[in-house]
Amino acid sequence: MLSSFVGVSPYVIALILIAGTVGQTFMQIAMSNTISRTLAKEEAGIGMGLFSMLNFISGAISMSVIGKVIDTKQTAFHLNPFVLNIDAYVFSNIFFVMCILTIAIFWLYRVQFGAAKTNIINVPGKE
């Protein structure tokens, strides 16, 4: 949504950011839960520490890359056809790529830890 609504009212951007932040928090909670349940009890501490460290490092690296992309000159190239503001193409492209990455991560998580694999319930009397 940010890719399409770049350059509109700050109130609209704030609402989109609030919804996105809540969604990202839910994704991080799900990942933490998966890591803590997947690893053995003696490996859970290291696994959660590694998860936190990778989140921190990836945040720092991605902000550096995004900053470098923003420093580039304005471009006429845009990935999202719904953006009308030519001055916002760089920001729109960044948000569009982040959206594609989020969808890819969601798909990978779903394939790896899908509902069919994690919702195994032992019902008494049904072996």
C-alpha atoms as a PDB file:
ATOM      1  CA  MET A   1       0.000   0.000   0.000  1.00  0.00           C
ATOM      2  CA  LEU A   2       2.852   2.380   0.737  1.00  0.00           C
ATOM      3  CA  SER A   3       4.174   1.797  -2.763  1.00  0.00           C
ATOM      4  CA  SER A   4       0.880   2.961  -4.262  1.00  0.00           C
ATOM      5  CA  PHE A   5       0.081   5.793  -1.848  1.00  0.00           C
ATOM      6  CA  VAL A   6       3.513   7.402  -1.729  1.00  0.00           C
ATOM      7  CA  GLY A   7       3.176  11.188  -1.822  1.00  0.00           C
ATOM      8  CA  VAL A   8      -0.336  11.405  -0.331  1.00  0.00           C
ATOM      9  CA  SER A   9      -1.461  12.867   2.997  1.00  0.00           C
ATOM     10  CA  PRO A  10       0.746  12.086   6.009  1.00  0.00           C
ATOM     11  CA  TYR A  11      -2.339  10.826   7.869  1.00  0.00           C
ATOM     12  CA  VAL A  12      -2.934   8.134   5.252  1.00  0.00           C
ATOM     13  CA  ILE A  13       0.741   7.149   5.406  1.00  0.00           C
ATOM     14  CA  ALA A  14       0.537   6.982   9.216  1.00  0.00           C
ATOM     15  CA  LEU A  15      -2.455   4.618   9.087  1.00  0.00           C
ATOM     16  CA  ILE A  16      -0.692   2.380   6.558  1.00  0.00           C
ATOM     17  CA  LEU A  17       2.466   2.344   8.689  1.00  0.00           C
ATOM     18  CA  ILE A  18       0.496   1.439  11.811  1.00  0.00           C
ATOM     19  CA  ALA A  19      -1.156  -1.489  10.033  1.00  0.00           C
ATOM     20  CA  GLY A  20       2.173  -2.601   8.561  1.00  0.00           C
ATOM     21  CA  THR A  21       3.971  -2.432  11.889  1.00  0.00           C
ATOM     22  CA  VAL A  22       1.283  -4.516  13.568  1.00  0.00           C
ATOM     23  CA  GLY A  23       1.507  -7.068  10.762  1.00  0.00           C
ATOM     24  CA  GLN A  24       5.289  -7.241  10.996  1.00  0.00           C
ATOM     25  CA  THR A  25       5.061  -7.713  14.763  1.00  0.00           C
ATOM     26  CA  PHE A  26       2.690 -10.644  14.250  1.00  0.00           C
ATOM     27  CA  MET A  27       5.158 -12.160  11.763  1.00  0.00           C
ATOM     28  CA  GLN A  28       8.025 -11.816  14.246  1.00  0.00           C
ATOM     29  CA  ILE A  29       5.949 -13.424  16.992  1.00  0.00           C
ATOM     30  CA  ALA A  30       5.124 -16.339  14.705  1.00  0.00           C
ATOM     31  CA  MET A  31       8.794 -16.751  13.775  1.00  0.00           C
ATOM     32  CA  SER A  32       9.858 -16.644  17.448  1.00  0.00           C
ATOM     33  CA  ASN A  33       7.219 -19.229  18.308  1.00  0.00           C
ATOM     34  CA  THR A  34       8.339 -21.481  15.456  1.00  0.00           C
ATOM     35  CA  ILE A  35      11.993 -21.219  16.458  1.00  0.00           C
ATOM     36  CA  SER A  36      11.297 -21.942  20.116  1.00  0.00           C
ATOM     37  CA  ARG A  37       9.133 -24.976  19.252  1.00  0.00           C
ATOM     38  CA  THR A  38      11.429 -26.352  16.551  1.00  0.00           C
ATOM     39  CA  LEU A  39      14.681 -26.330  18.488  1.00  0.00           C
ATOM     40  CA  ALA A  40      15.519 -28.707  21.294  1.00  0.00           C
ATOM     41  CA  LYS A  41      15.257 -27.328  24.833  1.00  0.00           C
ATOM     42  CA  GLU A  42      19.039 -26.991  25.218  1.00  0.00           C
ATOM     43  CA  GLU A  43      19.337 -25.197  21.837  1.00  0.00           C
ATOM     44  CA  ALA A  44      16.416 -22.774  22.266  1.00  0.00           C
ATOM     45  CA  GLY A  45      18.457 -20.059  24.000  1.00  0.00           C
ATOM     46  CA  ILE A  46      21.110 -19.953  21.301  1.00  0.00           C
ATOM     47  CA  GLY A  47      18.477 -20.126  18.567  1.00  0.00           C
ATOM     48  CA  MET A  48      16.486 -17.215  19.978  1.00  0.00           C
ATOM     49  CA  GLY A  49      19.692 -15.207  20.496  1.00  0.00           C
ATOM     50  CA  LEU A  50      20.743 -15.866  16.918  1.00  0.00           C
ATOM     51  CA  PHE A  51      17.272 -14.875  15.710  1.00  0.00           C
ATOM     52  CA  SER A  52      17.470 -11.563  17.601  1.00  0.00           C
ATOM     53  CA  MET A  53      20.995 -10.874  16.368  1.00  0.00           C
ATOM     54  CA  LEU A  54      20.041 -11.583  12.750  1.00  0.00           C
ATOM     55  CA  ASN A  55      17.017  -9.272  13.074  1.00  0.00           C
ATOM     56  CA  PHE A  56      19.280  -6.498  14.342  1.00  0.00           C
ATOM     57  CA  ILE A  57      21.961  -7.011  11.674  1.00  0.00           C
ATOM     58  CA  SER A  58      19.465  -7.335   8.832  1.00  0.00           C
ATOM     59  CA  GLY A  59      17.742  -4.127   9.964  1.00  0.00           C
ATOM     60  CA  ALA A  60      21.054  -2.244   9.939  1.00  0.00           C
ATOM     61  CA  ILE A  61      22.094  -3.609   6.540  1.00  0.00           C
ATOM     62  CA  SER A  62      18.719  -2.980   4.940  1.00  0.00           C
ATOM     63  CA  MET A  63      18.641   0.610   6.193  1.00  0.00           C
ATOM     64  CA  SER A  64      22.106   1.167   4.708  1.00  0.00           C
ATOM     65  CA  VAL A  65      21.005  -0.238   1.355  1.00  0.00           C
ATOM     66  CA  ILE A  66      17.768   1.778   1.379  1.00  0.00           C
ATOM     67  CA  GLY A  67      19.711   4.935   2.243  1.00  0.00           C
ATOM     68  CA  LYS A  68      22.082   4.327  -0.661  1.00  0.00           C
ATOM     69  CA  VAL A  69      19.168   3.768  -3.046  1.00  0.00           C
ATOM     70  CA  ILE A  70      17.490   6.980  -1.868  1.00  0.00           C
ATOM     71  CA  ASP A  71      20.752   8.892  -2.478  1.00  0.00           C
ATOM     72  CA  THR A  72      20.627   7.965  -6.155  1.00  0.00           C
ATOM     73  CA  LYS A  73      19.295  10.478  -8.597  1.00  0.00           C
ATOM     74  CA  GLN A  74      15.615  10.547  -9.448  1.00  0.00           C
ATOM     75  CA  THR A  75      14.586   7.825 -11.846  1.00  0.00           C
ATOM     76  CA  ALA A  76      11.848   7.518 -14.426  1.00  0.00           C
ATOM     77  CA  PHE A  77      11.768   3.755 -13.857  1.00  0.00           C
ATOM     78  CA  HIS A  78       8.924   2.571 -11.653  1.00  0.00           C
ATOM     79  CA  LEU A  79       7.721  -0.898 -10.705  1.00  0.00           C
ATOM     80  CA  ASN A  80       4.255   0.108  -9.541  1.00  0.00           C
ATOM     81  CA  PRO A  81       2.040   1.429 -12.369  1.00  0.00           C
ATOM     82  CA  PHE A  82      -0.386   3.099  -9.925  1.00  0.00           C
ATOM     83  CA  VAL A  83       2.084   5.756  -8.730  1.00  0.00           C
ATOM     84  CA  LEU A  84       1.403   9.118 -10.330  1.00  0.00           C
ATOM     85  CA  ASN A  85       3.958  11.292  -8.515  1.00  0.00           C
ATOM     86  CA  ILE A  86       7.210  11.160 -10.516  1.00  0.00           C
ATOM     87  CA  ASP A  87       9.192  12.470  -7.514  1.00  0.00           C
ATOM     88  CA  ALA A  88       8.126   9.427  -5.487  1.00  0.00           C
ATOM     89  CA  TYR A  89       9.282   6.691  -7.898  1.00  0.00           C
ATOM     90  CA  VAL A  90      12.382   5.816  -5.841  1.00  0.00           C
ATOM     91  CA  PHE A  91      10.369   5.414  -2.627  1.00  0.00           C
ATOM     92  CA  SER A  92       7.642   3.520  -4.456  1.00  0.00           C
ATOM     93  CA  ASN A  93      10.185   1.084  -5.907  1.00  0.00           C
ATOM     94  CA  ILE A  94      11.709   0.484  -2.459  1.00  0.00           C
ATOM     95  CA  PHE A  95       8.320  -0.244  -0.893  1.00  0.00           C
ATOM     96  CA  PHE A  96       7.325  -2.440  -3.844  1.00  0.00           C
ATOM     97  CA  VAL A  97      10.473  -4.577  -3.508  1.00  0.00           C
ATOM     98  CA  MET A  98       9.903  -4.857   0.258  1.00  0.00           C
ATOM     99  CA  CYS A  99       6.347  -6.020  -0.438  1.00  0.00           C
ATOM    100  CA  ILE A 100       7.594  -8.716  -2.833  1.00  0.00           C
ATOM    101  CA  LEU A 101      10.166  -9.842  -0.240  1.00  0.00           C
ATOM    102  CA  THR A 102       7.487 -10.032   2.465  1.00  0.00           C
ATOM    103  CA  ILE A 103       5.245 -12.147   0.232  1.00  0.00           C
ATOM    104  CA  ALA A 104       8.187 -14.435  -0.606  1.00  0.00           C
ATOM    105  CA  ILE A 105       9.067 -14.864   3.080  1.00  0.00           C
ATOM    106  CA  PHE A 106       5.435 -15.581   3.937  1.00  0.00           C
ATOM    107  CA  TRP A 107       5.249 -18.185   1.150  1.00  0.00           C
ATOM    108  CA  LEU A 108       8.524 -19.807   2.247  1.00  0.00           C
ATOM    109  CA  TYR A 109       7.347 -19.937   5.870  1.00  0.00           C
ATOM    110  CA  ARG A 110       3.998 -21.423   4.799  1.00  0.00           C
ATOM    111  CA  VAL A 111       5.682 -24.091   2.677  1.00  0.00           C
ATOM    112  CA  GLN A 112       8.218 -24.969   5.362  1.00  0.00           C
ATOM    113  CA  PHE A 113       5.941 -24.833   8.420  1.00  0.00           C
ATOM    114  CA  GLY A 114       2.461 -25.059   6.885  1.00  0.00           C
ATOM    115  CA  ALA A 115      -0.735 -25.687   8.806  1.00  0.00           C
ATOM    116  CA  ALA A 116      -0.842 -29.330   7.717  1.00  0.00           C
ATOM    117  CA  LYS A 117       2.562 -29.937   9.332  1.00  0.00           C
ATOM    118  CA  THR A 118       2.050 -28.054  12.597  1.00  0.00           C
ATOM    119  CA  ASN A 119      -1.569 -28.834  13.487  1.00  0.00           C
ATOM    120  CA  ILE A 120      -1.058 -32.473  14.376  1.00  0.00           C
ATOM    121  CA  ILE A 121      -3.478 -33.152  17.211  1.00  0.00           C
ATOM    122  CA  ASN A 122      -3.507 -36.413  19.103  1.00  0.00           C
ATOM    123  CA  VAL A 123      -7.141 -37.292  19.579  1.00  0.00           C
ATOM    124  CA  PRO A 124      -7.719 -39.983  22.232  1.00  0.00           C
ATOM    125  CA  GLY A 125      -9.011 -43.206  20.700  1.00  0.00           C
ATOM    126  CA  LYS A 126      -7.809 -42.316  17.177  1.00  0.00           C
ATOM    127  CA  GLU A 127      -4.471 -43.854  16.452  1.00  0.00           C
END
